[in-house]
Protein backbone atom coordinates (compact mmCIF):
# COMPACT_ATOMS: atom_id res chain seq x y z
CA MET A 1 0.08 0.06 -0.08
CA LYS A 2 1.32 3.42 -0.65
CA TYR A 3 1.00 5.93 1.93
CA LYS A 4 0.14 9.57 0.78
CA THR A 5 1.26 13.22 1.31
CA CYS A 6 -0.42 16.71 0.79
CA VAL A 7 1.71 19.52 1.43
CA SER A 8 0.40 22.51 2.85
CA ILE A 9 1.18 25.67 1.06
CA ALA A 10 0.76 29.33 2.60
CA GLU A 11 1.94 32.14 0.99
CA ASN A 12 1.33 35.46 0.45
CA SER A 13 1.46 35.96 -3.37
CA SER A 14 0.50 34.59 -6.28
CA ASN A 15 4.08 33.09 -7.98
CA LYS A 16 4.98 32.21 -4.53
CA ILE A 17 2.18 29.79 -4.54
CA LYS A 18 2.62 28.93 -8.09
CA ASN A 19 6.20 27.73 -7.77
CA ASN A 20 5.80 26.01 -4.31
CA LEU A 21 3.12 23.93 -5.80
CA LYS A 22 5.25 22.91 -8.68
CA GLN A 23 7.87 22.11 -6.29
CA ALA A 24 5.51 20.23 -3.71
CA LEU A 25 3.67 18.08 -6.45
CA LYS A 26 6.87 16.75 -7.57
CA LYS A 27 7.58 15.53 -4.01
CA SER A 28 3.97 14.79 -2.79
CA ASP A 29 0.80 13.23 -4.28
CA TYR A 30 -1.42 16.24 -3.38
CA ALA A 31 -1.11 20.05 -2.13
CA GLU A 32 -3.09 22.05 0.28
CA VAL A 33 -3.18 25.59 -1.13
CA ARG A 34 -4.20 28.06 1.81
CA PHE A 35 -6.02 30.84 0.07
CA ASP A 36 -6.76 32.71 3.30
CA PHE A 37 -2.94 34.04 3.04
CA LEU A 38 -3.67 35.61 0.16
CA LYS A 39 -5.08 39.04 -0.46
CA THR A 40 -8.74 38.42 -1.47
CA ASP A 41 -7.94 40.64 -5.05
CA ASP A 42 -5.12 38.26 -5.83
CA ILE A 43 -7.28 34.90 -5.39
CA PRO A 44 -8.84 35.02 -9.10
CA GLN A 45 -5.77 35.27 -10.72
CA THR A 46 -3.95 32.53 -8.49
CA LEU A 47 -6.87 30.03 -9.47
CA GLU A 48 -6.18 30.93 -12.90
CA ASN A 49 -2.33 30.55 -12.48
CA ILE A 50 -2.71 27.10 -11.14
CA LYS A 51 -5.89 25.47 -12.43
CA ASP A 52 -3.80 22.80 -14.77
CA ASP A 53 -2.73 21.39 -11.20
CA LEU A 54 -5.75 21.68 -9.34
CA LYS A 55 -6.79 18.27 -9.83
CA LYS A 56 -4.39 17.58 -7.20
CA VAL A 57 -5.05 20.26 -5.10
CA VAL A 58 -7.07 20.67 -1.47
CA CYS A 59 -8.29 24.08 -1.71
CA THR A 60 -8.66 26.01 1.84
CA LEU A 61 -9.83 29.45 2.59
CA ARG A 62 -9.76 29.59 6.39
CA PRO A 63 -11.43 32.42 8.16
CA LYS A 64 -9.71 34.00 11.26
CA SER A 65 -12.67 32.12 13.95
CA GLU A 66 -11.07 29.07 12.33
CA GLY A 67 -7.32 29.53 12.62
CA GLY A 68 -6.72 31.04 9.11
CA LYS A 69 -5.79 34.41 7.82
CA PHE A 70 -8.78 35.74 6.01
CA GLU A 71 -9.88 39.13 7.09
CA GLY A 72 -12.82 39.78 4.71
CA SER A 73 -16.52 39.23 5.52
CA GLU A 74 -18.40 35.96 5.40
CA LYS A 75 -20.18 36.99 2.39
CA GLU A 76 -17.11 37.96 0.57
CA ARG A 77 -15.53 34.31 1.72
CA VAL A 78 -18.98 32.39 0.52
CA ALA A 79 -18.47 33.89 -2.56
CA ILE A 80 -14.68 33.08 -3.14
CA LEU A 81 -15.49 29.72 -2.04
CA LYS A 82 -18.21 29.11 -4.80
CA LEU A 83 -15.43 30.75 -7.09
CA ILE A 84 -13.02 27.90 -6.01
CA SER A 85 -15.69 25.24 -6.58
CA GLU A 86 -15.91 26.36 -10.37
CA TYR A 87 -12.60 24.73 -10.85
CA ASN A 88 -13.76 21.76 -10.10
CA PRO A 89 -10.42 21.14 -7.30
CA PHE A 90 -9.21 17.67 -6.00
CA LEU A 91 -10.79 18.48 -2.64
CA LEU A 92 -12.43 22.16 -1.52
CA ASP A 93 -12.01 22.19 2.23
CA VAL A 94 -15.23 23.45 4.10
CA GLU A 95 -15.61 24.13 7.54
CA PHE A 96 -18.40 22.02 9.29
CA ASN A 97 -19.31 25.16 11.05
CA THR A 98 -19.81 27.27 7.76
CA ILE A 99 -21.67 24.36 6.08
CA LYS A 100 -24.33 23.45 8.58
CA LYS A 101 -25.70 26.91 8.90
CA ASN A 102 -25.44 27.91 5.15
CA LYS A 103 -27.99 25.80 3.13
CA GLU A 104 -27.56 28.13 -0.17
CA LEU A 105 -23.78 27.12 -0.23
CA VAL A 106 -24.89 23.73 0.15
CA LYS A 107 -27.04 23.85 -2.61
CA TYR A 108 -24.99 25.67 -4.82
CA LEU A 109 -21.69 23.10 -3.93
CA LYS A 110 -23.41 20.54 -5.20
CA SER A 111 -25.04 22.00 -8.38
CA THR A 112 -21.16 22.08 -9.31
CA LYS A 113 -20.41 19.00 -8.14
CA THR A 114 -17.44 19.87 -6.11
CA ARG A 115 -15.72 17.00 -3.89
CA LEU A 116 -15.86 18.61 -0.57
CA LEU A 117 -13.65 17.78 2.37
CA ILE A 118 -15.66 18.65 5.74
CA SER A 119 -13.14 19.85 8.40
CA TRP A 120 -13.39 20.91 11.92
CA HIS A 121 -10.61 21.87 14.42
CA ASP A 122 -10.23 22.73 17.76
CA PHE A 123 -6.90 24.55 18.50
CA LYS A 124 -6.95 24.13 22.30
CA LYS A 125 -7.81 20.81 23.43
CA THR A 126 -8.92 17.30 22.67
CA PRO A 127 -12.84 16.58 23.38
CA LYS A 128 -14.14 13.52 24.99
CA PHE A 129 -14.09 10.55 22.10
CA SER A 130 -17.99 10.53 22.47
CA GLU A 131 -18.32 14.28 21.39
CA LEU A 132 -15.70 13.49 18.73
CA LYS A 133 -17.74 10.44 17.31
CA ASN A 134 -21.04 12.52 17.18
CA LYS A 135 -19.10 15.32 15.38
CA MET A 136 -17.81 12.80 12.73
CA ASN A 137 -21.52 11.54 11.83
CA GLN A 138 -22.68 14.93 11.72
CA MET A 139 -20.12 15.95 9.41
CA GLY A 140 -20.70 12.86 7.24
CA LYS A 141 -23.96 13.92 6.55
CA PHE A 142 -22.41 16.70 4.00
CA SER A 143 -19.96 14.77 2.18
CA ASN A 144 -17.96 11.20 2.76
CA ASN A 145 -14.54 13.10 3.33
CA VAL A 146 -14.30 14.31 6.55
CA LYS A 147 -11.16 15.67 8.61
CA ILE A 148 -11.23 16.12 12.48
CA VAL A 149 -8.16 17.72 14.07
CA THR A 150 -7.40 18.06 17.77
CA THR A 151 -5.12 19.91 20.06
CA ALA A 152 -2.76 17.10 21.76
CA LYS A 153 -2.06 18.13 25.50
CA SER A 154 -0.85 14.25 26.00
CA VAL A 155 -0.02 11.24 24.19
CA LYS A 156 -3.63 9.95 25.73
CA ASP A 157 -5.42 13.04 23.73
CA SER A 158 -3.93 11.74 19.92
CA THR A 159 -5.24 8.41 20.74
CA ILE A 160 -8.80 9.36 21.67
CA THR A 161 -8.74 11.07 18.45
CA LEU A 162 -7.43 8.29 16.41
CA GLN A 163 -10.08 5.88 17.69
CA LEU A 164 -12.33 7.49 15.33
CA TYR A 165 -10.77 5.30 12.76
CA GLY A 166 -12.44 2.16 14.46
CA GLN A 167 -15.66 3.79 14.43
CA ASN A 168 -15.59 5.44 11.01
CA LYS A 169 -17.56 3.01 8.89
CA LYS A 170 -18.16 5.13 5.27
CA ASN A 171 -15.97 7.95 5.57
CA SER A 172 -12.80 8.90 3.80
CA LEU A 173 -11.24 10.18 7.25
CA ILE A 174 -8.58 12.00 8.26
CA ALA A 175 -8.39 12.72 11.94
CA PHE A 176 -5.14 13.35 14.08
CA ALA A 177 -3.96 15.81 16.67
CA MET A 178 -1.79 19.05 16.40
CA GLY A 179 1.25 19.75 18.78
CA ASP A 180 4.39 17.90 19.82
CA ASN A 181 2.18 15.22 21.59
CA GLY A 182 0.08 14.90 18.41
CA ARG A 183 3.08 14.20 16.22
CA LEU A 184 2.99 10.72 15.72
CA SER A 185 -0.85 10.80 15.11
CA ARG A 186 0.42 12.63 11.64
CA ILE A 187 1.69 9.14 10.67
CA LEU A 188 -0.07 6.59 12.81
CA CYS A 189 -3.23 8.02 10.76
CA LEU A 190 -2.03 6.73 7.74
CA TYR A 191 -1.76 2.98 8.90
CA LEU A 192 -5.33 3.31 10.22
CA GLY A 193 -6.77 4.27 6.72
CA SER A 194 -6.24 8.38 6.28
CA PRO A 195 -6.24 9.03 2.80
CA TYR A 196 -3.13 11.24 3.42
CA THR A 197 -1.38 13.23 6.22
CA TYR A 198 -0.40 16.88 6.05
CA VAL A 199 3.43 18.11 5.57
CA SER A 200 5.14 20.97 4.72
CA LEU A 201 7.99 21.52 2.37
CA GLY A 202 10.19 22.49 5.06
CA LYS A 203 9.03 25.23 7.90
CA PRO A 204 5.92 23.59 9.34
CA ILE A 205 2.38 25.35 8.70
CA ALA A 206 1.12 23.87 11.52
CA PRO A 207 2.06 22.66 15.05
CA GLY A 208 3.79 19.14 15.20
CA GLN A 209 3.58 19.02 11.10
CA PHE A 210 6.37 17.04 9.59
CA SER A 211 8.12 17.97 6.14
CA VAL A 212 7.46 16.05 3.22
CA ASN A 213 11.00 14.14 3.34
CA GLU A 214 10.44 13.75 6.84
CA VAL A 215 7.58 11.69 6.19
CA LYS A 216 9.26 9.93 3.73
CA LYS A 217 11.98 8.70 5.60
CA ILE A 218 9.84 7.47 8.62
CA ILE A 219 7.24 5.40 5.85
CA ASN A 220 10.40 3.78 4.06
CA LEU A 221 11.97 2.69 7.55
CA LYS A 222 8.57 0.84 8.58
CA MET A 223 8.18 -0.46 5.38
CA ASN A 224 11.60 -1.93 5.02
């Protein structure tokens, strides 16, 4: 079995995103482009610049309330999500908190046949397992691509999040924990069924993130 990676790209210029994306896709199966790091006016041109590679790109436009950088209004952000969907990326990451309260957006994304990744993050802690399981089931109503990320204060927190794989029946699930205590969960999730794990080209984008080269070394060690 081939374990896959997705390089997170968070740059503030269209050219940097294009250059890093080319580099990322030489080393990795997929890349995540964090459009929230760009100025809003630069997003349409960036989509045009990278449209040939979007079939391997997870597109993310994270608001500040969800740990992202997007500073515009929610109305503006939803309009950009719709624009991105028209380019038919590999996956469009939409937060569970966004999708569950916006029926009009759900309807629009269905009309464009966009493959959605429904995501939920807890940047402070790891909730109880029962809460995570319930959230996973609720998220699965919007897409079978589900991403649940918690913050590990201890190694036990990591195991709580990883237990979701044992309860997962139908979803393509990405579940791991952030932070130093969650670092190993970014590798273990691959062996439990995650379609890929998020990595960096070098400098971590998120707490505890490995580089793509580090993950490849670890996977090769485990497979040999």
